Amino acid sequence: MYFHVTEGLVPDVMHDVLEGCLPYETKELLRHLFQSGVLTLGNLNEIINHFVGGGMRSETEKMTDKRKKEKEMKTERR
């Protein structure tokens, strides 16, 4: 059976990008930056190690932050 325009599924752009061209383009960009001397492996590792990303945190981390804030507020009241 051949693909039909009205019966085919819509392509998933995120899968096409994340599993298709993005890894390849990222590799080529890094290769160019390394070869041109703009970036070194040491610099890249330093950037990665100091990256603070958003996203999900564990409940333990959330509770620790909450307790720290509560403690700071109690200290400020005194």
C-alpha atoms as a PDB file:
ATOM      1  CA  MET A   1       0.000   0.000   0.000  1.00  0.00           C
ATOM      2  CA  TYR A   2       1.306   3.422  -0.902  1.00  0.00           C
ATOM      3  CA  PHE A   3       1.200   6.550   1.222  1.00  0.00           C
ATOM      4  CA  HIS A   4      -1.952   8.598   0.763  1.00  0.00           C
ATOM      5  CA  VAL A   5      -2.059  12.312   1.656  1.00  0.00           C
ATOM      6  CA  THR A   6      -5.447  12.208   3.352  1.00  0.00           C
ATOM      7  CA  GLU A   7      -4.904   8.937   5.225  1.00  0.00           C
ATOM      8  CA  GLY A   8      -1.280   9.286   6.338  1.00  0.00           C
ATOM      9  CA  LEU A   9      -0.257  10.343   9.833  1.00  0.00           C
ATOM     10  CA  VAL A  10       1.203  13.771  10.430  1.00  0.00           C
ATOM     11  CA  PRO A  11       4.986  13.639  10.947  1.00  0.00           C
ATOM     12  CA  ASP A  12       6.275  14.269  14.445  1.00  0.00           C
ATOM     13  CA  VAL A  13       8.658  17.213  14.102  1.00  0.00           C
ATOM     14  CA  MET A  14      10.329  16.759  17.500  1.00  0.00           C
ATOM     15  CA  HIS A  15      11.283  13.164  16.745  1.00  0.00           C
ATOM     16  CA  ASP A  16      12.549  14.167  13.327  1.00  0.00           C
ATOM     17  CA  VAL A  17      14.722  16.900  14.866  1.00  0.00           C
ATOM     18  CA  LEU A  18      15.886  15.237  18.091  1.00  0.00           C
ATOM     19  CA  GLU A  19      16.516  11.814  16.586  1.00  0.00           C
ATOM     20  CA  GLY A  20      17.465  12.991  13.133  1.00  0.00           C
ATOM     21  CA  CYS A  21      19.323  16.156  12.274  1.00  0.00           C
ATOM     22  CA  LEU A  22      20.041  17.734  15.692  1.00  0.00           C
ATOM     23  CA  PRO A  23      22.681  15.221  16.873  1.00  0.00           C
ATOM     24  CA  TYR A  24      24.436  15.408  13.505  1.00  0.00           C
ATOM     25  CA  GLU A  25      24.355  19.218  13.371  1.00  0.00           C
ATOM     26  CA  THR A  26      25.590  19.466  16.978  1.00  0.00           C
ATOM     27  CA  LYS A  27      28.509  17.151  16.196  1.00  0.00           C
ATOM     28  CA  GLU A  28      29.456  19.173  13.119  1.00  0.00           C
ATOM     29  CA  LEU A  29      29.210  22.472  15.021  1.00  0.00           C
ATOM     30  CA  LEU A  30      31.428  21.194  17.835  1.00  0.00           C
ATOM     31  CA  ARG A  31      33.928  19.821  15.321  1.00  0.00           C
ATOM     32  CA  HIS A  32      34.128  23.226  13.620  1.00  0.00           C
ATOM     33  CA  LEU A  33      34.511  25.092  16.927  1.00  0.00           C
ATOM     34  CA  PHE A  34      37.298  22.746  18.064  1.00  0.00           C
ATOM     35  CA  GLN A  35      39.171  22.876  14.750  1.00  0.00           C
ATOM     36  CA  SER A  36      38.955  26.675  14.511  1.00  0.00           C
ATOM     37  CA  GLY A  37      40.237  27.096  18.076  1.00  0.00           C
ATOM     38  CA  VAL A  38      37.150  28.924  19.292  1.00  0.00           C
ATOM     39  CA  LEU A  39      36.440  26.167  21.829  1.00  0.00           C
ATOM     40  CA  THR A  40      38.598  23.592  23.563  1.00  0.00           C
ATOM     41  CA  LEU A  41      37.538  20.345  25.180  1.00  0.00           C
ATOM     42  CA  GLY A  42      38.536  21.767  28.561  1.00  0.00           C
ATOM     43  CA  ASN A  43      36.323  24.827  28.027  1.00  0.00           C
ATOM     44  CA  LEU A  44      33.392  22.673  26.975  1.00  0.00           C
ATOM     45  CA  ASN A  45      33.777  20.413  30.024  1.00  0.00           C
ATOM     46  CA  GLU A  46      33.927  23.461  32.295  1.00  0.00           C
ATOM     47  CA  ILE A  47      30.749  24.866  30.746  1.00  0.00           C
ATOM     48  CA  ILE A  48      28.964  21.533  31.170  1.00  0.00           C
ATOM     49  CA  ASN A  49      30.116  21.133  34.789  1.00  0.00           C
ATOM     50  CA  HIS A  50      28.909  24.621  35.749  1.00  0.00           C
ATOM     51  CA  PHE A  51      25.603  24.412  33.893  1.00  0.00           C
ATOM     52  CA  VAL A  52      22.615  24.914  36.136  1.00  0.00           C
ATOM     53  CA  GLY A  53      19.619  23.545  34.339  1.00  0.00           C
ATOM     54  CA  GLY A  54      15.985  23.836  35.177  1.00  0.00           C
ATOM     55  CA  GLY A  55      13.676  20.955  35.199  1.00  0.00           C
ATOM     56  CA  MET A  56      12.501  18.525  37.776  1.00  0.00           C
ATOM     57  CA  ARG A  57      14.079  18.155  41.168  1.00  0.00           C
ATOM     58  CA  SER A  58      13.540  15.458  43.711  1.00  0.00           C
ATOM     59  CA  GLU A  59      11.191  15.961  46.644  1.00  0.00           C
ATOM     60  CA  THR A  60      14.202  15.829  48.970  1.00  0.00           C
ATOM     61  CA  GLU A  61      15.820  18.799  47.229  1.00  0.00           C
ATOM     62  CA  LYS A  62      12.546  20.744  47.331  1.00  0.00           C
ATOM     63  CA  MET A  63      12.123  20.092  51.056  1.00  0.00           C
ATOM     64  CA  THR A  64      15.731  21.051  51.768  1.00  0.00           C
ATOM     65  CA  ASP A  65      15.235  24.357  49.940  1.00  0.00           C
ATOM     66  CA  LYS A  66      11.979  24.968  51.815  1.00  0.00           C
ATOM     67  CA  ARG A  67      13.649  24.336  55.184  1.00  0.00           C
ATOM     68  CA  LYS A  68      16.531  26.653  54.300  1.00  0.00           C
ATOM     69  CA  LYS A  69      14.099  29.450  53.418  1.00  0.00           C
ATOM     70  CA  GLU A  70      12.120  28.900  56.628  1.00  0.00           C
ATOM     71  CA  LYS A  71      15.321  28.998  58.671  1.00  0.00           C
ATOM     72  CA  GLU A  72      16.433  32.215  56.938  1.00  0.00           C
ATOM     73  CA  MET A  73      13.060  33.831  57.629  1.00  0.00           C
ATOM     74  CA  LYS A  74      13.264  32.914  61.332  1.00  0.00           C
ATOM     75  CA  THR A  75      16.780  34.352  61.519  1.00  0.00           C
ATOM     76  CA  GLU A  76      15.676  37.605  59.849  1.00  0.00           C
ATOM     77  CA  ARG A  77      12.808  38.080  62.344  1.00  0.00           C
ATOM     78  CA  ARG A  78      15.200  38.062  65.304  1.00  0.00           C
END
